[in-house]
Each structure stands twice: as C-alpha cells, then as structure tokens.
Amino acid sequence: MAVRTVAAHDRDSRVLGFFAQAGPDEVFRFEDACVIAGTRDRLRACLAINPKLRDASLTFAKIRFGDVHAGLEAGAAYAFDEEAFERFAPLARGAGIDVAASFPGHDDDAFNFVRVKLADTDAS
C-alpha cells in the first residue's frame, strides 16, 4: 500500500490551469493531447480560432497536478501553454518526471503549446 506524504498531497492538489470538455469523456484535444491553458480566457481564445468550436457547448474546468500525473501514468498526453507548463514543470520534477526546465520556445504571433507524454517503458 502506497503512503501519500503531505508534500505529495499538496503537489497533487495544485491547479495547473483549465481544460475544456463537451461531455464527461469528451475533452478538447490537439491531436491526441488534452489541451491545458493557464487561464480560462486563454483557453477560450485558443478555442475561438477553430470554427467548429466557436459555438460549441463546452465546459471549462480546473485541472490539478494529481489528475495530470495519473493521466500521464495511464498513457495520456497533454498539451500545455506556457503558463500551465510553468506551473506543471516544477511539480513534475518533484514527482520524478523528467521535463524541460522551462517552456521550450515562444512565438508571439501564435498559440504555443508543448506536448508532454511519458515515454513508453514496455520492452517489446
């Protein structure tokens, strides 16, 4: 039985940003990665450039590190904007996940996201 420390509980409860969903099992993705933005407004702006999503009925919800960590361990991928990544990276490193020290690049004329997924450890 795994024992959770106070530090792990604090880390898991930290909010990274927001994601959008159309239903319980239907989250907004870029390719295979769940999109996470640092603010609700940033996520709305990102969604607004997609004509199919402008009028979609979406719910915006906070996402915490513990949810992302569990998703990564289950094989999910996430696409973080710079603000969400800067919140995620130190928490991930504290949990033993190898990620870049800072957001890898920035273009002021575009929405910038970095995809994070754990390496496949299956030796086939």
C-alpha atoms as a PDB file:
ATOM      1  CA  MET A   1       0.000   0.000   0.000  1.00  0.00           C
ATOM      2  CA  ALA A   2       1.418   3.369  -1.043  1.00  0.00           C
ATOM      3  CA  VAL A   3       1.569   6.015   1.625  1.00  0.00           C
ATOM      4  CA  ARG A   4       0.993   9.567   0.431  1.00  0.00           C
ATOM      5  CA  THR A   5       3.007  12.237   2.135  1.00  0.00           C
ATOM      6  CA  VAL A   6       1.740  15.709   2.964  1.00  0.00           C
ATOM      7  CA  ALA A   7       4.088  17.096   0.289  1.00  0.00           C
ATOM      8  CA  ALA A   8       2.641  14.724  -2.343  1.00  0.00           C
ATOM      9  CA  HIS A   9      -0.912  15.659  -1.341  1.00  0.00           C
ATOM     10  CA  ASP A  10      -0.055  19.378  -1.599  1.00  0.00           C
ATOM     11  CA  ARG A  11       1.595  18.838  -5.004  1.00  0.00           C
ATOM     12  CA  ASP A  12      -1.344  16.776  -6.318  1.00  0.00           C
ATOM     13  CA  SER A  13      -3.880  19.419  -5.313  1.00  0.00           C
ATOM     14  CA  ARG A  14      -2.143  22.304  -7.145  1.00  0.00           C
ATOM     15  CA  VAL A  15      -4.150  23.740 -10.049  1.00  0.00           C
ATOM     16  CA  LEU A  16      -2.235  23.830 -13.337  1.00  0.00           C
ATOM     17  CA  GLY A  17      -4.849  25.524 -15.487  1.00  0.00           C
ATOM     18  CA  PHE A  18      -8.038  24.785 -17.384  1.00  0.00           C
ATOM     19  CA  PHE A  19      -9.275  22.275 -19.933  1.00  0.00           C
ATOM     20  CA  ALA A  20     -12.487  22.169 -21.976  1.00  0.00           C
ATOM     21  CA  GLN A  21     -14.939  19.322 -22.263  1.00  0.00           C
ATOM     22  CA  ALA A  22     -18.108  18.700 -24.230  1.00  0.00           C
ATOM     23  CA  GLY A  23     -19.099  15.782 -22.017  1.00  0.00           C
ATOM     24  CA  PRO A  24     -17.667  13.534 -19.315  1.00  0.00           C
ATOM     25  CA  ASP A  25     -15.457  11.610 -21.747  1.00  0.00           C
ATOM     26  CA  GLU A  26     -15.017  14.240 -24.456  1.00  0.00           C
ATOM     27  CA  VAL A  27     -12.191  16.706 -23.765  1.00  0.00           C
ATOM     28  CA  PHE A  28     -10.784  19.229 -26.219  1.00  0.00           C
ATOM     29  CA  ARG A  29      -7.618  17.780 -27.720  1.00  0.00           C
ATOM     30  CA  PHE A  30      -4.936  18.764 -30.142  1.00  0.00           C
ATOM     31  CA  GLU A  31      -4.266  15.521 -31.949  1.00  0.00           C
ATOM     32  CA  ASP A  32      -4.044  13.068 -29.004  1.00  0.00           C
ATOM     33  CA  ALA A  33      -3.180  15.600 -26.284  1.00  0.00           C
ATOM     34  CA  CYS A  34      -5.627  17.170 -23.848  1.00  0.00           C
ATOM     35  CA  VAL A  35      -5.140  20.942 -24.135  1.00  0.00           C
ATOM     36  CA  ILE A  36      -4.434  22.787 -20.882  1.00  0.00           C
ATOM     37  CA  ALA A  37      -4.193  26.572 -20.732  1.00  0.00           C
ATOM     38  CA  GLY A  38      -3.112  28.636 -17.753  1.00  0.00           C
ATOM     39  CA  THR A  39      -6.295  30.710 -17.748  1.00  0.00           C
ATOM     40  CA  ARG A  40      -9.896  30.264 -18.800  1.00  0.00           C
ATOM     41  CA  ASP A  41      -9.607  33.302 -21.119  1.00  0.00           C
ATOM     42  CA  ARG A  42      -6.524  31.889 -22.833  1.00  0.00           C
ATOM     43  CA  LEU A  43      -8.308  28.588 -23.438  1.00  0.00           C
ATOM     44  CA  ARG A  44     -11.374  30.417 -24.793  1.00  0.00           C
ATOM     45  CA  ALA A  45      -9.157  32.397 -27.176  1.00  0.00           C
ATOM     46  CA  CYS A  46      -7.483  29.203 -28.374  1.00  0.00           C
ATOM     47  CA  LEU A  47     -10.841  27.536 -28.989  1.00  0.00           C
ATOM     48  CA  ALA A  48     -12.247  30.616 -30.752  1.00  0.00           C
ATOM     49  CA  ILE A  49      -9.861  30.215 -33.695  1.00  0.00           C
ATOM     50  CA  ASN A  50     -11.446  26.829 -34.524  1.00  0.00           C
ATOM     51  CA  PRO A  51     -14.705  27.441 -36.457  1.00  0.00           C
ATOM     52  CA  LYS A  52     -16.183  24.112 -35.277  1.00  0.00           C
ATOM     53  CA  LEU A  53     -15.682  25.064 -31.629  1.00  0.00           C
ATOM     54  CA  ARG A  54     -16.778  28.721 -31.634  1.00  0.00           C
ATOM     55  CA  ASP A  55     -20.403  27.888 -30.875  1.00  0.00           C
ATOM     56  CA  ALA A  56     -19.850  24.529 -29.195  1.00  0.00           C
ATOM     57  CA  SER A  57     -21.294  23.962 -25.764  1.00  0.00           C
ATOM     58  CA  LEU A  58     -18.141  23.420 -23.741  1.00  0.00           C
ATOM     59  CA  THR A  59     -17.499  23.349 -20.026  1.00  0.00           C
ATOM     60  CA  PHE A  60     -14.258  24.771 -18.682  1.00  0.00           C
ATOM     61  CA  ALA A  61     -12.822  23.067 -15.630  1.00  0.00           C
ATOM     62  CA  LYS A  62      -9.723  23.377 -13.495  1.00  0.00           C
ATOM     63  CA  ILE A  63      -7.207  20.586 -13.743  1.00  0.00           C
ATOM     64  CA  ARG A  64      -4.877  19.669 -10.907  1.00  0.00           C
ATOM     65  CA  PHE A  65      -1.432  18.120 -10.975  1.00  0.00           C
ATOM     66  CA  GLY A  66      -2.678  14.861  -9.440  1.00  0.00           C
ATOM     67  CA  ASP A  67      -5.138  14.394 -12.323  1.00  0.00           C
ATOM     68  CA  VAL A  68      -2.463  15.059 -14.940  1.00  0.00           C
ATOM     69  CA  HIS A  69       0.057  12.816 -13.177  1.00  0.00           C
ATOM     70  CA  ALA A  70      -2.464   9.948 -13.078  1.00  0.00           C
ATOM     71  CA  GLY A  71      -3.327  10.544 -16.731  1.00  0.00           C
ATOM     72  CA  LEU A  72       0.326  10.514 -17.756  1.00  0.00           C
ATOM     73  CA  GLU A  73       0.866   7.253 -15.918  1.00  0.00           C
ATOM     74  CA  ALA A  74      -2.150   5.804 -17.755  1.00  0.00           C
ATOM     75  CA  GLY A  75      -0.610   6.793 -21.112  1.00  0.00           C
ATOM     76  CA  ALA A  76      -2.383  10.104 -21.783  1.00  0.00           C
ATOM     77  CA  ALA A  77      -0.723  13.097 -23.425  1.00  0.00           C
ATOM     78  CA  TYR A  78      -1.190  16.772 -22.513  1.00  0.00           C
ATOM     79  CA  ALA A  79      -0.544  19.989 -24.429  1.00  0.00           C
ATOM     80  CA  PHE A  80       0.338  22.859 -22.064  1.00  0.00           C
ATOM     81  CA  ASP A  81       0.509  26.537 -22.880  1.00  0.00           C
ATOM     82  CA  GLU A  82       3.425  28.419 -21.354  1.00  0.00           C
ATOM     83  CA  GLU A  83       1.644  29.479 -18.152  1.00  0.00           C
ATOM     84  CA  ALA A  84       0.299  25.992 -17.422  1.00  0.00           C
ATOM     85  CA  PHE A  85       3.662  24.400 -18.267  1.00  0.00           C
ATOM     86  CA  GLU A  86       5.500  26.725 -15.875  1.00  0.00           C
ATOM     87  CA  ARG A  87       3.160  25.507 -13.109  1.00  0.00           C
ATOM     88  CA  PHE A  88       3.439  21.862 -14.180  1.00  0.00           C
ATOM     89  CA  ALA A  89       7.216  21.541 -14.662  1.00  0.00           C
ATOM     90  CA  PRO A  90       8.478  22.015 -11.082  1.00  0.00           C
ATOM     91  CA  LEU A  91       5.709  19.797  -9.703  1.00  0.00           C
ATOM     92  CA  ALA A  92       6.505  17.124 -12.290  1.00  0.00           C
ATOM     93  CA  ARG A  93      10.209  17.217 -11.464  1.00  0.00           C
ATOM     94  CA  GLY A  94       9.304  16.893  -7.774  1.00  0.00           C
ATOM     95  CA  ALA A  95       7.320  13.773  -8.646  1.00  0.00           C
ATOM     96  CA  GLY A  96      10.243  12.281 -10.551  1.00  0.00           C
ATOM     97  CA  ILE A  97       9.074  13.147 -14.073  1.00  0.00           C
ATOM     98  CA  ASP A  98      11.839  14.363 -16.388  1.00  0.00           C
ATOM     99  CA  VAL A  99      10.640  17.563 -18.111  1.00  0.00           C
ATOM    100  CA  ALA A 100      12.319  20.645 -19.535  1.00  0.00           C
ATOM    101  CA  ALA A 101      13.385  23.331 -17.072  1.00  0.00           C
ATOM    102  CA  SER A 102      11.431  25.990 -18.960  1.00  0.00           C
ATOM    103  CA  PHE A 103       8.925  26.338 -21.793  1.00  0.00           C
ATOM    104  CA  PRO A 104      10.739  25.370 -24.996  1.00  0.00           C
ATOM    105  CA  GLY A 105      10.279  28.392 -27.232  1.00  0.00           C
ATOM    106  CA  HIS A 106       7.744  31.127 -27.771  1.00  0.00           C
ATOM    107  CA  ASP A 107       6.163  32.775 -30.829  1.00  0.00           C
ATOM    108  CA  ASP A 108       4.176  35.937 -30.065  1.00  0.00           C
ATOM    109  CA  ASP A 109       2.067  35.508 -33.216  1.00  0.00           C
ATOM    110  CA  ALA A 110       0.722  32.043 -32.385  1.00  0.00           C
ATOM    111  CA  PHE A 111      -0.710  29.885 -29.641  1.00  0.00           C
ATOM    112  CA  ASN A 112       2.228  27.976 -28.228  1.00  0.00           C
ATOM    113  CA  PHE A 113       1.841  24.592 -26.580  1.00  0.00           C
ATOM    114  CA  VAL A 114       4.256  21.873 -25.562  1.00  0.00           C
ATOM    115  CA  ARG A 115       3.182  18.230 -25.637  1.00  0.00           C
ATOM    116  CA  VAL A 116       4.044  16.054 -22.638  1.00  0.00           C
ATOM    117  CA  LYS A 117       3.687  12.287 -22.530  1.00  0.00           C
ATOM    118  CA  LEU A 118       5.645   9.722 -20.575  1.00  0.00           C
ATOM    119  CA  ALA A 119       7.996   7.566 -22.615  1.00  0.00           C
ATOM    120  CA  ASP A 120       6.747   4.087 -23.342  1.00  0.00           C
ATOM    121  CA  THR A 121       8.535   1.759 -20.937  1.00  0.00           C
ATOM    122  CA  ASP A 122       7.248  -1.509 -22.421  1.00  0.00           C
ATOM    123  CA  ALA A 123      10.119  -3.567 -23.795  1.00  0.00           C
ATOM    124  CA  SER A 124       8.522  -5.369 -26.739  1.00  0.00           C
END
